[in-house]
Protein backbone atom coordinates (compact mmCIF):
# COMPACT_ATOMS: atom_id res chain seq x y z
CA MET A 1 86.78 124.24 52.70
CA LEU A 2 88.14 121.52 54.98
CA ASP A 3 87.83 122.12 58.72
CA TYR A 4 90.86 120.69 60.53
CA ALA A 5 89.02 120.80 63.86
CA LEU A 6 86.41 118.43 62.43
CA MET A 7 89.20 116.20 61.11
CA ASN A 8 90.78 116.16 64.57
CA GLN A 9 87.44 115.14 66.08
CA CYS A 10 87.03 112.31 63.56
CA ILE A 11 90.44 110.95 64.56
CA TYR A 12 89.46 111.20 68.22
CA ASP A 13 86.24 109.29 67.49
CA GLY A 14 88.07 106.68 65.41
CA LYS A 15 86.25 107.41 62.13
CA ALA A 16 88.83 106.01 59.73
CA LYS A 17 86.78 106.36 56.52
CA GLU A 18 85.96 109.99 57.21
CA VAL A 19 89.59 110.79 58.00
CA GLU A 20 90.72 109.18 54.76
CA GLN A 21 88.14 111.18 52.77
CA MET A 22 89.05 114.44 54.52
CA THR A 23 92.75 113.88 53.84
CA GLN A 24 92.00 113.36 50.15
CA ALA A 25 89.79 116.46 50.13
CA ALA A 26 92.52 118.56 51.76
CA LEU A 27 95.01 117.54 49.07
CA ALA A 28 92.41 118.24 46.37
CA GLU A 29 92.04 121.79 47.77
CA GLY A 30 95.79 122.25 47.36
CA ARG A 31 96.63 122.21 51.05
CA PRO A 32 100.37 121.59 51.74
CA VAL A 33 101.15 118.00 52.72
CA LYS A 34 102.99 119.07 55.85
CA GLU A 35 100.02 121.21 56.91
CA VAL A 36 97.59 118.31 56.48
CA LEU A 37 99.89 116.02 58.45
CA GLU A 38 100.52 118.42 61.32
CA ASP A 39 97.21 120.33 61.61
CA GLY A 40 94.90 117.52 60.52
CA LEU A 41 96.43 114.26 61.72
CA ILE A 42 99.12 114.89 64.32
CA ALA A 43 97.06 117.53 66.12
CA GLY A 44 94.13 115.13 66.43
CA MET A 45 96.29 112.30 67.70
CA SER A 46 98.03 114.56 70.22
CA VAL A 47 94.69 115.17 71.95
CA VAL A 48 94.16 111.41 72.08
CA GLY A 49 97.59 111.02 73.68
CA GLU A 50 96.88 113.66 76.32
CA ASP A 51 93.53 112.14 77.23
CA PHE A 52 95.12 108.68 77.43
CA LYS A 53 97.76 110.06 79.77
CA HIS A 54 95.09 111.53 82.05
CA ASN A 55 92.92 108.38 82.10
CA ILE A 56 90.14 109.90 79.99
CA LEU A 57 90.73 107.44 77.17
CA TYR A 58 91.77 103.80 77.44
CA VAL A 59 93.77 101.43 75.26
CA PRO A 60 90.84 100.39 73.01
CA GLU A 61 89.96 104.01 72.19
CA VAL A 62 93.60 104.87 71.50
CA LEU A 63 94.02 101.92 69.15
CA ILE A 64 90.85 102.86 67.26
CA ALA A 65 91.95 106.50 67.00
CA ALA A 66 95.40 105.43 65.82
CA ARG A 67 93.82 103.29 63.13
CA ALA A 68 91.85 106.33 61.92
CA MET A 69 94.98 108.47 61.91
CA LYS A 70 96.85 105.81 59.91
CA ALA A 71 94.10 105.89 57.28
CA GLY A 72 95.00 109.52 56.65
CA VAL A 73 98.74 108.87 56.80
CA ALA A 74 98.32 106.15 54.13
CA VAL A 75 96.96 108.82 51.76
CA LEU A 76 99.88 111.15 52.52
CA LYS A 77 102.63 108.52 52.61
CA PRO A 78 103.70 108.69 48.93
CA LEU A 79 103.91 112.48 49.18
CA LEU A 80 105.68 112.36 52.54
CA THR A 81 108.31 110.03 51.13
CA ALA A 82 108.83 112.43 48.25
CA GLY A 83 109.05 115.29 50.74
CA GLY A 84 112.16 113.83 52.37
CA PRO A 85 113.39 114.35 55.92
CA SER A 86 111.80 117.81 56.23
CA SER A 87 108.39 116.12 56.33
CA GLN A 88 109.38 113.91 59.26
CA THR A 89 109.45 114.49 63.00
CA GLY A 90 112.26 111.99 63.55
CA ARG A 91 113.26 108.37 63.07
CA LEU A 92 112.44 105.77 65.73
CA LEU A 93 113.69 102.19 65.92
CA MET A 94 111.62 99.99 68.24
CA GLY A 95 112.04 96.44 69.50
CA THR A 96 111.46 94.10 72.43
CA VAL A 97 114.67 92.77 73.97
CA ARG A 98 116.04 89.24 73.74
CA GLY A 99 114.07 86.58 75.58
CA ASP A 100 110.84 88.62 75.72
CA LEU A 101 108.02 87.86 73.28
CA HIS A 102 105.53 90.48 74.49
CA ASP A 103 104.76 93.23 72.00
CA ILE A 104 101.31 94.70 72.65
CA GLY A 105 102.69 97.71 74.53
CA LYS A 106 105.43 98.20 71.96
CA ASN A 107 102.85 98.16 69.16
CA LEU A 108 100.86 100.88 70.89
CA VAL A 109 103.96 103.07 71.27
CA CYS A 110 104.76 102.60 67.58
CA MET A 111 101.25 103.63 66.54
CA MET A 112 101.25 106.71 68.74
CA ALA A 113 104.75 107.69 67.58
CA GLU A 114 103.57 107.47 63.98
CA GLY A 115 100.66 109.67 65.03
CA ALA A 116 103.21 112.24 66.23
CA GLY A 117 104.94 112.22 62.83
CA PHE A 118 107.82 109.83 63.47
CA VAL A 119 109.03 107.39 60.85
CA VAL A 120 109.02 104.11 62.78
CA LYS A 121 110.82 100.85 62.15
CA ASP A 122 109.61 98.00 64.38
CA ILE A 123 112.03 95.06 64.45
CA GLY A 124 109.72 92.93 66.58
CA VAL A 125 110.31 90.81 69.66
CA ASP A 126 113.21 88.79 71.10
CA GLN A 127 115.89 91.06 69.60
CA SER A 128 119.60 90.77 70.44
CA VAL A 129 121.99 93.71 70.66
CA GLU A 130 123.49 92.62 67.34
CA LYS A 131 120.06 92.83 65.65
CA PHE A 132 119.47 96.27 67.12
CA GLN A 133 122.85 97.37 65.76
CA LEU A 134 122.23 95.94 62.28
CA ALA A 135 118.83 97.63 62.13
CA ALA A 136 120.35 100.92 63.31
CA ASP A 137 123.07 100.73 60.64
CA GLU A 138 120.39 100.35 57.98
CA PHE A 139 117.65 102.64 59.32
CA LYS A 140 119.77 105.47 60.84
CA PRO A 141 117.44 106.25 63.77
CA ASP A 142 117.47 109.28 66.03
CA ILE A 143 116.04 107.19 68.86
CA ILE A 144 116.02 103.52 69.84
CA GLY A 145 113.14 102.38 72.01
CA MET A 146 113.25 99.07 73.89
CA SER A 147 110.49 97.34 75.80
CA ALA A 148 110.32 94.40 78.21
CA LEU A 149 107.51 92.91 80.25
CA LEU A 150 109.42 90.22 82.13
CA THR A 151 111.80 91.05 84.97
CA THR A 152 114.03 88.22 83.74
CA THR A 153 114.60 90.01 80.42
CA MET A 154 114.75 93.66 81.49
CA THR A 155 118.41 93.34 82.48
CA TYR A 156 119.26 92.69 78.81
CA MET A 157 118.37 96.34 78.17
CA LYS A 158 121.73 97.27 79.71
CA THR A 159 123.45 94.99 77.20
CA VAL A 160 121.80 96.90 74.35
CA VAL A 161 122.55 100.31 75.91
CA ASP A 162 126.21 99.31 76.39
CA GLY A 163 126.30 98.02 72.79
CA PHE A 164 125.52 101.53 71.52
CA ASP A 165 128.02 103.25 73.81
CA LYS A 166 130.66 103.52 71.09
CA PRO A 167 131.68 105.89 68.28
CA GLY A 168 129.18 106.03 65.44
CA TYR A 169 126.21 105.42 67.73
CA ASP A 170 126.67 108.12 70.36
CA HIS A 171 124.15 110.46 68.66
CA ILE A 172 121.30 107.95 69.17
CA LYS A 173 119.06 108.44 72.19
CA MET A 174 118.16 105.26 74.09
CA ALA A 175 114.68 105.01 75.64
CA ILE A 176 113.17 102.12 77.61
CA GLY A 177 109.74 101.15 78.90
CA GLY A 178 107.53 98.30 80.04
CA ALA A 179 105.63 97.18 83.11
CA PRO A 180 108.62 96.36 85.37
CA ILE A 181 110.70 99.36 84.24
CA SER A 182 111.20 102.53 86.28
CA GLN A 183 113.13 105.78 86.00
CA MET A 184 115.54 104.45 88.61
CA PHE A 185 116.31 101.42 86.43
CA ALA A 186 116.77 103.65 83.38
CA ASP A 187 119.30 105.72 85.33
CA GLU A 188 121.09 102.59 86.53
CA ILE A 189 121.68 101.19 83.04
CA GLY A 190 122.53 104.52 81.43
CA ALA A 191 119.45 104.91 79.22
CA ASP A 192 118.62 108.44 78.09
CA GLY A 193 114.98 108.23 79.16
CA TYR A 194 112.02 106.20 80.40
CA GLY A 195 108.39 106.23 79.29
CA ALA A 196 105.84 105.18 81.89
CA ASP A 197 103.20 104.62 79.18
CA ALA A 198 102.80 105.06 75.43
CA SER A 199 101.85 108.73 75.61
CA SER A 200 104.72 109.59 77.96
CA ALA A 201 107.10 107.72 75.67
CA VAL A 202 106.06 109.84 72.69
CA ASP A 203 106.50 113.02 74.76
CA LEU A 204 110.02 111.81 75.53
CA PHE A 205 110.75 111.10 71.85
CA LEU A 206 109.57 114.58 70.85
CA TYR A 207 111.85 116.10 73.49
CA PHE A 208 114.78 114.07 72.17
CA VAL A 209 114.38 115.51 68.66
CA GLY A 210 113.90 119.07 69.89
CA LYS A 211 110.17 119.28 69.19
CA GLY A 212 108.73 119.12 72.68
CA GLU A 213 109.33 120.23 76.24
CA ALA A 214 111.25 118.18 78.77
CA PRO A 215 108.90 115.54 80.22
CA LYS A 216 107.48 116.48 83.59
CA ALA A 217 107.02 114.21 86.58
CA SER A 218 103.64 112.52 86.47
CA PHE A 219 102.12 113.79 89.68
CA LYS A 220 99.60 116.47 90.52
CA THR A 221 100.70 119.59 92.38
CA GLY A 222 99.17 120.53 95.69
CA VAL A 223 98.12 118.44 98.66
CA ALA A 224 95.76 115.57 97.90
CA PRO A 225 92.53 115.60 99.92
CA THR A 226 92.14 112.97 102.60
CA LYS A 227 89.57 110.19 102.37
CA SER A 228 87.39 111.95 104.96
CA GLN A 229 87.51 115.20 102.95
CA LEU A 230 86.52 113.36 99.77
CA THR A 231 83.65 111.65 101.58
CA ALA A 232 82.46 115.00 102.93
CA GLN A 233 82.49 116.51 99.43
CA ARG A 234 80.46 113.66 98.02
CA GLY A 235 78.16 113.02 100.94
CA ALA A 236 78.06 110.14 103.38
CA ASN A 237 76.20 107.85 100.97
CA SER A 238 78.47 108.36 97.99
CA ALA A 239 78.52 105.82 95.19
CA SER A 240 80.79 105.15 92.23
CA ARG A 241 80.29 103.47 88.89
CA TYR A 242 82.78 101.10 87.33
CA GLN A 243 83.41 98.98 84.26
CA ILE A 244 85.88 96.18 83.64
CA LEU A 245 87.81 96.05 80.38
CA TYR A 246 88.09 92.48 79.08
CA TRP A 247 90.33 90.96 76.44
CA GLN A 248 88.06 88.14 75.31
CA ASP A 249 87.05 86.81 78.75
CA LEU A 250 90.18 87.91 80.60
CA PRO A 251 89.99 91.12 82.69
CA SER A 252 92.52 93.75 81.69
CA GLU A 253 91.85 96.90 83.75
CA ILE A 254 89.14 98.75 85.65
CA LYS A 255 87.60 102.18 85.07
CA VAL A 256 85.95 103.77 88.14
CA TRP A 257 84.29 107.18 88.35
CA ASP A 258 81.79 109.44 90.06
CA ASP A 259 80.85 113.10 89.59
CA PHE A 260 84.21 114.25 91.01
CA GLU A 261 86.90 112.07 89.48
CA GLN A 262 87.72 109.12 87.26
CA LEU A 263 90.38 106.50 87.97
CA LYS A 264 92.09 103.80 85.93
CA VAL A 265 93.03 100.81 88.07
CA ALA A 266 95.68 98.41 86.78
CA LEU A 267 95.54 94.73 87.67
CA HIS A 268 98.55 92.64 88.68
CA ILE A 269 101.12 92.15 85.93
CA ARG A 270 100.17 88.46 85.67
CA PHE A 271 96.95 89.55 83.92
CA THR A 272 98.96 91.30 81.20
CA GLU A 273 101.24 88.29 80.88
CA ARG A 274 98.27 85.94 80.57
CA ILE A 275 96.58 88.09 77.91
CA ASP A 276 99.83 88.49 75.96
CA LYS A 277 100.42 84.74 76.07
CA GLU A 278 96.91 84.03 74.79
CA ALA A 279 97.17 86.71 72.08
CA MET A 280 100.44 85.23 70.81
CA LYS A 281 99.02 81.70 70.86
CA LEU A 282 96.10 82.85 68.70
CA GLY A 283 98.26 85.05 66.46
CA LEU A 284 96.42 88.23 67.53
CA THR A 285 99.42 90.44 68.29
CA HIS A 286 98.90 93.09 65.61
CA ALA A 287 97.19 96.16 67.03
CA ASP A 288 93.93 95.92 65.07
CA ALA A 289 93.50 92.19 65.71
CA TYR A 290 94.34 92.65 69.38
CA ALA A 291 91.97 95.61 69.80
CA ALA A 292 89.10 93.68 68.22
CA GLN A 293 89.13 91.35 71.24
CA LEU A 294 88.67 94.15 73.78
CA ARG A 295 85.27 94.96 75.25
CA TRP A 296 83.87 96.84 78.22
CA GLY A 297 81.74 94.94 80.70
CA ASP A 298 78.42 96.24 82.00
CA GLU A 299 78.42 99.50 83.95
CA THR A 300 77.88 98.74 87.65
CA GLU A 301 77.34 100.94 90.70
CA ARG A 302 78.74 100.34 94.17
CA SER A 303 78.83 102.37 97.38
CA GLY A 304 82.06 104.23 98.11
CA ILE A 305 84.49 106.68 96.54
CA PRO A 306 86.30 105.62 93.33
CA ALA A 307 89.57 104.73 95.08
CA ASP A 308 87.83 102.35 97.49
CA VAL A 309 85.59 100.82 94.84
CA GLY A 310 88.53 100.34 92.48
CA ALA A 311 90.59 98.65 95.19
CA ALA A 312 87.71 96.35 96.11
CA VAL A 313 86.98 95.29 92.51
CA LYS A 314 90.69 94.77 91.88
CA ALA A 315 90.98 92.49 94.92
CA GLU A 316 87.94 90.49 93.79
CA LEU A 317 89.28 90.00 90.28
CA GLU A 318 92.72 89.01 91.51
CA ALA A 319 91.14 86.45 93.82
CA GLN A 320 88.91 85.17 90.99
CA PHE A 321 91.84 84.84 88.56
CA PRO A 322 94.76 83.69 90.75
């Protein structure tokens, strides 16, 4: 008899072939399609999303897990289509706004939303309000998600939000995200919500369709320890280990950890812009092709707590790649 916990673990580990075989085995046992989707696939991907949110997993691991989940969804897809709307979490229309050609972050949101059971239509990059409206008329989404990486294009999000502020569209929830976006900006333009990252965006989508709790502020409760307190806990000669995530030869982010905590350190937005530009030039914008170019550098140790080591490595990389 199929063990859903094992199936969840295979998704977490990115074992696409095993997930595909387990999905087929579950159907052969007569398990309900909705049960296989929710207990076998969505449950596994939800753990991935939580660990991504808390910096336990990084983009490469999430992409690999999503690919494994999609292998199972591909087996279920004909049956899900036959099952109709009751087999779906909701309908999500995604696109990058006019003037912006960056889509790596959008692709990740789409994959994770599919992992949460949404039917997703991705209309791509550089989309005008008219194209969003035409796609909405055809697809009938519950939610429209927009992304932007450039500050020069983020203002067009208001144009799209205003374009849906009319009868016939007022049931659609509008969500925005991207590196320069904030909750304050979402409030200013009248969007219904903001996702700080792919996992938070999916939490927001689930809330919109009544299948999740209201998103909580992303901060830890309690008073954070001071640097001197952290040093005392670790000892005067504390050391941290770190690795740099590269896209080809371009640094993307930094992972730093010791026995007490692990941090994810983001580089300046110009690194993301440079990687996106190179990915588009080489035609490597699809999630699998993009993920294949990611690699972790060697694990290195340096004296200091993770926050200090992360800040130092970040400064070095930003000086090395001006």
